[in-house]
Amino acid sequence: MPTKQLKALIRDVPDFPKPGILFKDITPLLRDPAGLALAVELMANPFRGAGITAVAGAESRGFIFGTAVAQALSCGFVPIRKKSKLPPPVKSVTYALEYGTDTLEIRDDAVRAGQRVLMVDDLLATGGTMAACVQLMKSLGAEVVGATVLIELVALQGRKALPGLEVHAPITY
């Protein structure tokens, strides 16, 4: 079973980045060529034939999987960056984290109105980051077709922050 193989390449790090958090470290998976290739294929496959014209991912692990999924789907990649990392003009969105707020930005010419975009990240937890990314894409007139993540932490109910969006995750905890 492919999911079992991938889970074996993900390391649990207790109490990181703060006490009570069980961090899912994907570094062992990233350094394994077969594991990385399998992860990308499992993330991309549900969206083959969906007319995706761009893949978008948030800094930083969304860049890793986003560019690989974009290549697998034969389309371009759109970076969503942390505040002040892109030259103007940009659109931005500030969103809540469990311990404060964060701001993401995108170039205001990153996608065209009507472009079919797939959102990509490594992990879906509470859904705040992904919801902010979807909001940025829609503010540019893009059609967000779905989201694919490597890992979903089901108990945190991140899908609730993404109503009506098709969300795919090969690995769930």
C-alpha atoms as a PDB file:
ATOM      1  CA  MET A   1       0.000   0.000   0.000  1.00  0.00           C
ATOM      2  CA  PRO A   2       1.617   3.289  -1.080  1.00  0.00           C
ATOM      3  CA  THR A   3       0.335   5.302   1.883  1.00  0.00           C
ATOM      4  CA  LYS A   4       1.998   2.919   4.335  1.00  0.00           C
ATOM      5  CA  GLN A   5       5.318   3.360   2.499  1.00  0.00           C
ATOM      6  CA  LEU A   6       5.036   7.137   2.693  1.00  0.00           C
ATOM      7  CA  LYS A   7       4.018   7.170   6.363  1.00  0.00           C
ATOM      8  CA  ALA A   8       7.178   5.178   7.129  1.00  0.00           C
ATOM      9  CA  LEU A   9       9.181   8.116   5.728  1.00  0.00           C
ATOM     10  CA  ILE A  10       7.549  10.737   7.984  1.00  0.00           C
ATOM     11  CA  ARG A  11       9.129  11.317  11.383  1.00  0.00           C
ATOM     12  CA  ASP A  12       7.146  12.411  14.441  1.00  0.00           C
ATOM     13  CA  VAL A  13       8.813  15.129  16.506  1.00  0.00           C
ATOM     14  CA  PRO A  14       7.047  15.622  19.846  1.00  0.00           C
ATOM     15  CA  ASP A  15       6.744  19.091  21.406  1.00  0.00           C
ATOM     16  CA  PHE A  16       7.903  20.972  18.312  1.00  0.00           C
ATOM     17  CA  PRO A  17       7.672  23.872  17.645  1.00  0.00           C
ATOM     18  CA  LYS A  18       6.063  24.174  21.070  1.00  0.00           C
ATOM     19  CA  PRO A  19       4.910  21.837  23.858  1.00  0.00           C
ATOM     20  CA  GLY A  20       1.890  19.722  22.981  1.00  0.00           C
ATOM     21  CA  ILE A  21       2.473  19.790  19.196  1.00  0.00           C
ATOM     22  CA  LEU A  22       3.394  16.571  17.390  1.00  0.00           C
ATOM     23  CA  PHE A  23       5.290  17.841  14.327  1.00  0.00           C
ATOM     24  CA  LYS A  24       5.214  15.716  11.170  1.00  0.00           C
ATOM     25  CA  ASP A  25       8.753  15.979   9.737  1.00  0.00           C
ATOM     26  CA  ILE A  26       8.766  15.313   5.983  1.00  0.00           C
ATOM     27  CA  THR A  27      12.569  15.670   5.640  1.00  0.00           C
ATOM     28  CA  PRO A  28      13.148  11.874   5.464  1.00  0.00           C
ATOM     29  CA  LEU A  29      10.527  11.622   2.691  1.00  0.00           C
ATOM     30  CA  LEU A  30      12.091  14.498   0.748  1.00  0.00           C
ATOM     31  CA  ARG A  31      15.517  12.848   0.739  1.00  0.00           C
ATOM     32  CA  ASP A  32      14.109   9.522  -0.514  1.00  0.00           C
ATOM     33  CA  PRO A  33      13.836   9.684  -4.347  1.00  0.00           C
ATOM     34  CA  ALA A  34      11.183   6.962  -4.621  1.00  0.00           C
ATOM     35  CA  GLY A  35       9.181   8.355  -1.701  1.00  0.00           C
ATOM     36  CA  LEU A  36       9.241  11.881  -3.096  1.00  0.00           C
ATOM     37  CA  ALA A  37       8.214  10.691  -6.570  1.00  0.00           C
ATOM     38  CA  LEU A  38       5.362   8.606  -5.130  1.00  0.00           C
ATOM     39  CA  ALA A  39       4.143  11.504  -2.964  1.00  0.00           C
ATOM     40  CA  VAL A  40       4.033  13.866  -5.937  1.00  0.00           C
ATOM     41  CA  GLU A  41       2.188  11.349  -8.122  1.00  0.00           C
ATOM     42  CA  LEU A  42      -0.395  10.635  -5.421  1.00  0.00           C
ATOM     43  CA  MET A  43      -0.949  14.370  -4.954  1.00  0.00           C
ATOM     44  CA  ALA A  44      -1.226  15.113  -8.690  1.00  0.00           C
ATOM     45  CA  ASN A  45      -3.169  12.101  -9.972  1.00  0.00           C
ATOM     46  CA  PRO A  46      -6.689  13.078  -8.811  1.00  0.00           C
ATOM     47  CA  PHE A  47      -6.390  16.318 -10.789  1.00  0.00           C
ATOM     48  CA  ARG A  48      -5.061  14.948 -14.090  1.00  0.00           C
ATOM     49  CA  GLY A  49      -7.491  15.821 -16.834  1.00  0.00           C
ATOM     50  CA  ALA A  50      -9.109  18.591 -14.751  1.00  0.00           C
ATOM     51  CA  GLY A  51      -7.811  21.372 -16.973  1.00  0.00           C
ATOM     52  CA  ILE A  52      -5.462  22.803 -14.363  1.00  0.00           C
ATOM     53  CA  THR A  53      -3.550  25.747 -15.857  1.00  0.00           C
ATOM     54  CA  ALA A  54      -1.530  26.713 -12.760  1.00  0.00           C
ATOM     55  CA  VAL A  55      -0.521  25.303  -9.410  1.00  0.00           C
ATOM     56  CA  ALA A  56      -0.119  27.650  -6.436  1.00  0.00           C
ATOM     57  CA  GLY A  57       1.643  26.995  -3.151  1.00  0.00           C
ATOM     58  CA  ALA A  58       2.547  28.961  -0.053  1.00  0.00           C
ATOM     59  CA  GLU A  59       6.019  29.504   1.253  1.00  0.00           C
ATOM     60  CA  SER A  60       7.879  27.339   2.055  1.00  0.00           C
ATOM     61  CA  ARG A  61       6.911  23.670   1.919  1.00  0.00           C
ATOM     62  CA  GLY A  62       4.140  24.491  -0.534  1.00  0.00           C
ATOM     63  CA  PHE A  63       6.938  25.486  -2.909  1.00  0.00           C
ATOM     64  CA  ILE A  64       8.538  22.037  -2.666  1.00  0.00           C
ATOM     65  CA  PHE A  65       5.417  20.071  -3.532  1.00  0.00           C
ATOM     66  CA  GLY A  66       3.787  22.790  -5.630  1.00  0.00           C
ATOM     67  CA  THR A  67       6.546  22.989  -8.210  1.00  0.00           C
ATOM     68  CA  ALA A  68       6.745  19.206  -8.464  1.00  0.00           C
ATOM     69  CA  VAL A  69       2.957  18.849  -8.854  1.00  0.00           C
ATOM     70  CA  ALA A  70       2.983  21.654 -11.449  1.00  0.00           C
ATOM     71  CA  GLN A  71       5.600  19.779 -13.443  1.00  0.00           C
ATOM     72  CA  ALA A  72       3.593  16.554 -13.157  1.00  0.00           C
ATOM     73  CA  LEU A  73       0.492  18.370 -14.461  1.00  0.00           C
ATOM     74  CA  SER A  74       2.451  20.220 -17.187  1.00  0.00           C
ATOM     75  CA  CYS A  75       1.566  23.687 -15.980  1.00  0.00           C
ATOM     76  CA  GLY A  76       3.207  26.644 -14.270  1.00  0.00           C
ATOM     77  CA  PHE A  77       3.707  27.393 -10.585  1.00  0.00           C
ATOM     78  CA  VAL A  78       2.531  30.506  -8.704  1.00  0.00           C
ATOM     79  CA  PRO A  79       4.370  31.348  -5.456  1.00  0.00           C
ATOM     80  CA  ILE A  80       2.457  32.763  -2.519  1.00  0.00           C
ATOM     81  CA  ARG A  81       4.962  34.464  -0.245  1.00  0.00           C
ATOM     82  CA  LYS A  82       5.232  35.810   3.254  1.00  0.00           C
ATOM     83  CA  LYS A  83       4.861  39.580   3.671  1.00  0.00           C
ATOM     84  CA  SER A  84       7.440  41.831   1.988  1.00  0.00           C
ATOM     85  CA  LYS A  85       9.100  39.081  -0.067  1.00  0.00           C
ATOM     86  CA  LEU A  86       7.631  40.091  -3.448  1.00  0.00           C
ATOM     87  CA  PRO A  87       8.079  43.319  -5.393  1.00  0.00           C
ATOM     88  CA  PRO A  88       4.940  45.429  -5.775  1.00  0.00           C
ATOM     89  CA  PRO A  89       2.236  45.507  -6.823  1.00  0.00           C
ATOM     90  CA  VAL A  90       0.893  42.714  -4.624  1.00  0.00           C
ATOM     91  CA  LYS A  91      -2.368  41.586  -3.078  1.00  0.00           C
ATOM     92  CA  SER A  92      -2.244  40.468   0.533  1.00  0.00           C
ATOM     93  CA  VAL A  93      -4.362  38.719   3.108  1.00  0.00           C
ATOM     94  CA  THR A  94      -3.854  38.576   6.862  1.00  0.00           C
ATOM     95  CA  TYR A  95      -5.239  35.542   8.651  1.00  0.00           C
ATOM     96  CA  ALA A  96      -5.403  34.104  12.161  1.00  0.00           C
ATOM     97  CA  LEU A  97      -3.026  31.495  13.500  1.00  0.00           C
ATOM     98  CA  GLU A  98      -3.464  29.670  16.778  1.00  0.00           C
ATOM     99  CA  TYR A  99      -0.881  32.010  18.324  1.00  0.00           C
ATOM    100  CA  GLY A 100      -1.308  35.273  16.366  1.00  0.00           C
ATOM    101  CA  THR A 101      -1.657  36.378  12.759  1.00  0.00           C
ATOM    102  CA  ASP A 102       0.311  36.053   9.538  1.00  0.00           C
ATOM    103  CA  THR A 103       0.178  37.750   6.157  1.00  0.00           C
ATOM    104  CA  LEU A 104       0.577  36.180   2.735  1.00  0.00           C
ATOM    105  CA  GLU A 105       1.093  38.019  -0.531  1.00  0.00           C
ATOM    106  CA  ILE A 106       0.876  37.320  -4.242  1.00  0.00           C
ATOM    107  CA  ARG A 107       1.834  39.409  -7.255  1.00  0.00           C
ATOM    108  CA  ASP A 108      -1.306  41.037  -8.613  1.00  0.00           C
ATOM    109  CA  ASP A 109      -0.483  39.651 -12.080  1.00  0.00           C
ATOM    110  CA  ALA A 110       0.318  36.109 -10.928  1.00  0.00           C
ATOM    111  CA  VAL A 111      -2.780  34.565 -12.532  1.00  0.00           C
ATOM    112  CA  ARG A 112      -5.353  35.665 -15.076  1.00  0.00           C
ATOM    113  CA  ALA A 113      -9.062  35.853 -14.418  1.00  0.00           C
ATOM    114  CA  GLY A 114     -10.658  32.474 -15.096  1.00  0.00           C
ATOM    115  CA  GLN A 115      -7.412  30.534 -14.837  1.00  0.00           C
ATOM    116  CA  ARG A 116      -7.964  27.072 -13.282  1.00  0.00           C
ATOM    117  CA  VAL A 117      -5.714  26.799 -10.239  1.00  0.00           C
ATOM    118  CA  LEU A 118      -4.833  23.870  -7.973  1.00  0.00           C
ATOM    119  CA  MET A 119      -3.673  24.768  -4.455  1.00  0.00           C
ATOM    120  CA  VAL A 120      -0.829  22.664  -3.016  1.00  0.00           C
ATOM    121  CA  ASP A 121       0.756  22.378   0.423  1.00  0.00           C
ATOM    122  CA  ASP A 122       2.498  19.749   2.495  1.00  0.00           C
ATOM    123  CA  LEU A 123      -0.044  19.626   5.321  1.00  0.00           C
ATOM    124  CA  LEU A 124      -3.619  20.601   6.106  1.00  0.00           C
ATOM    125  CA  ALA A 125      -4.183  21.243   9.804  1.00  0.00           C
ATOM    126  CA  THR A 126      -6.719  23.929  10.772  1.00  0.00           C
ATOM    127  CA  GLY A 127      -7.030  25.146   7.169  1.00  0.00           C
ATOM    128  CA  GLY A 128      -6.161  28.780   7.875  1.00  0.00           C
ATOM    129  CA  THR A 129      -3.185  29.022   5.528  1.00  0.00           C
ATOM    130  CA  MET A 130      -4.962  27.200   2.710  1.00  0.00           C
ATOM    131  CA  ALA A 131      -8.098  29.336   3.127  1.00  0.00           C
ATOM    132  CA  ALA A 132      -5.960  32.492   2.922  1.00  0.00           C
ATOM    133  CA  CYS A 133      -4.302  31.189  -0.254  1.00  0.00           C
ATOM    134  CA  VAL A 134      -7.686  30.404  -1.808  1.00  0.00           C
ATOM    135  CA  GLN A 135      -8.863  33.913  -0.899  1.00  0.00           C
ATOM    136  CA  LEU A 136      -5.825  35.433  -2.663  1.00  0.00           C
ATOM    137  CA  MET A 137      -6.416  33.363  -5.802  1.00  0.00           C
ATOM    138  CA  LYS A 138     -10.085  34.300  -5.941  1.00  0.00           C
ATOM    139  CA  SER A 139      -9.239  37.982  -5.429  1.00  0.00           C
ATOM    140  CA  LEU A 140      -7.342  37.758  -8.735  1.00  0.00           C
ATOM    141  CA  GLY A 141     -10.309  36.127 -10.461  1.00  0.00           C
ATOM    142  CA  ALA A 142      -8.859  32.619 -10.581  1.00  0.00           C
ATOM    143  CA  GLU A 143     -11.063  29.543 -10.410  1.00  0.00           C
ATOM    144  CA  VAL A 144      -9.724  27.385  -7.593  1.00  0.00           C
ATOM    145  CA  VAL A 145     -10.384  23.825  -8.765  1.00  0.00           C
ATOM    146  CA  GLY A 146      -9.198  22.045  -5.638  1.00  0.00           C
ATOM    147  CA  ALA A 147      -6.444  21.545  -3.105  1.00  0.00           C
ATOM    148  CA  THR A 148      -4.002  18.719  -2.691  1.00  0.00           C
ATOM    149  CA  VAL A 149      -1.821  18.202   0.368  1.00  0.00           C
ATOM    150  CA  LEU A 150       0.499  15.372   1.304  1.00  0.00           C
ATOM    151  CA  ILE A 151      -0.788  15.104   4.894  1.00  0.00           C
ATOM    152  CA  GLU A 152      -4.109  15.935   6.518  1.00  0.00           C
ATOM    153  CA  LEU A 153      -4.507  16.076  10.297  1.00  0.00           C
ATOM    154  CA  VAL A 154      -8.170  15.055  10.273  1.00  0.00           C
ATOM    155  CA  ALA A 155      -8.911  15.833  13.930  1.00  0.00           C
ATOM    156  CA  LEU A 156      -8.129  19.532  13.345  1.00  0.00           C
ATOM    157  CA  GLN A 157     -10.972  19.724  10.774  1.00  0.00           C
ATOM    158  CA  GLY A 158      -9.135  21.916   8.260  1.00  0.00           C
ATOM    159  CA  ARG A 159     -11.630  21.040   5.533  1.00  0.00           C
ATOM    160  CA  LYS A 160     -14.229  23.125   7.352  1.00  0.00           C
ATOM    161  CA  ALA A 161     -12.209  26.230   6.451  1.00  0.00           C
ATOM    162  CA  LEU A 162     -12.483  25.240   2.760  1.00  0.00           C
ATOM    163  CA  PRO A 163     -16.213  24.787   2.116  1.00  0.00           C
ATOM    164  CA  GLY A 164     -17.090  23.531  -1.344  1.00  0.00           C
ATOM    165  CA  LEU A 165     -13.465  22.882  -2.281  1.00  0.00           C
ATOM    166  CA  GLU A 166     -12.336  19.418  -3.363  1.00  0.00           C
ATOM    167  CA  VAL A 167      -9.479  18.506  -1.003  1.00  0.00           C
ATOM    168  CA  HIS A 168      -7.218  15.509  -1.572  1.00  0.00           C
ATOM    169  CA  ALA A 169      -4.690  14.078   0.924  1.00  0.00           C
ATOM    170  CA  PRO A 170      -2.888  10.771   0.321  1.00  0.00           C
ATOM    171  CA  ILE A 171      -1.870  10.568   3.995  1.00  0.00           C
ATOM    172  CA  THR A 172      -4.186  11.190   6.925  1.00  0.00           C
ATOM    173  CA  TYR A 173      -3.589  11.095  10.667  1.00  0.00           C
END
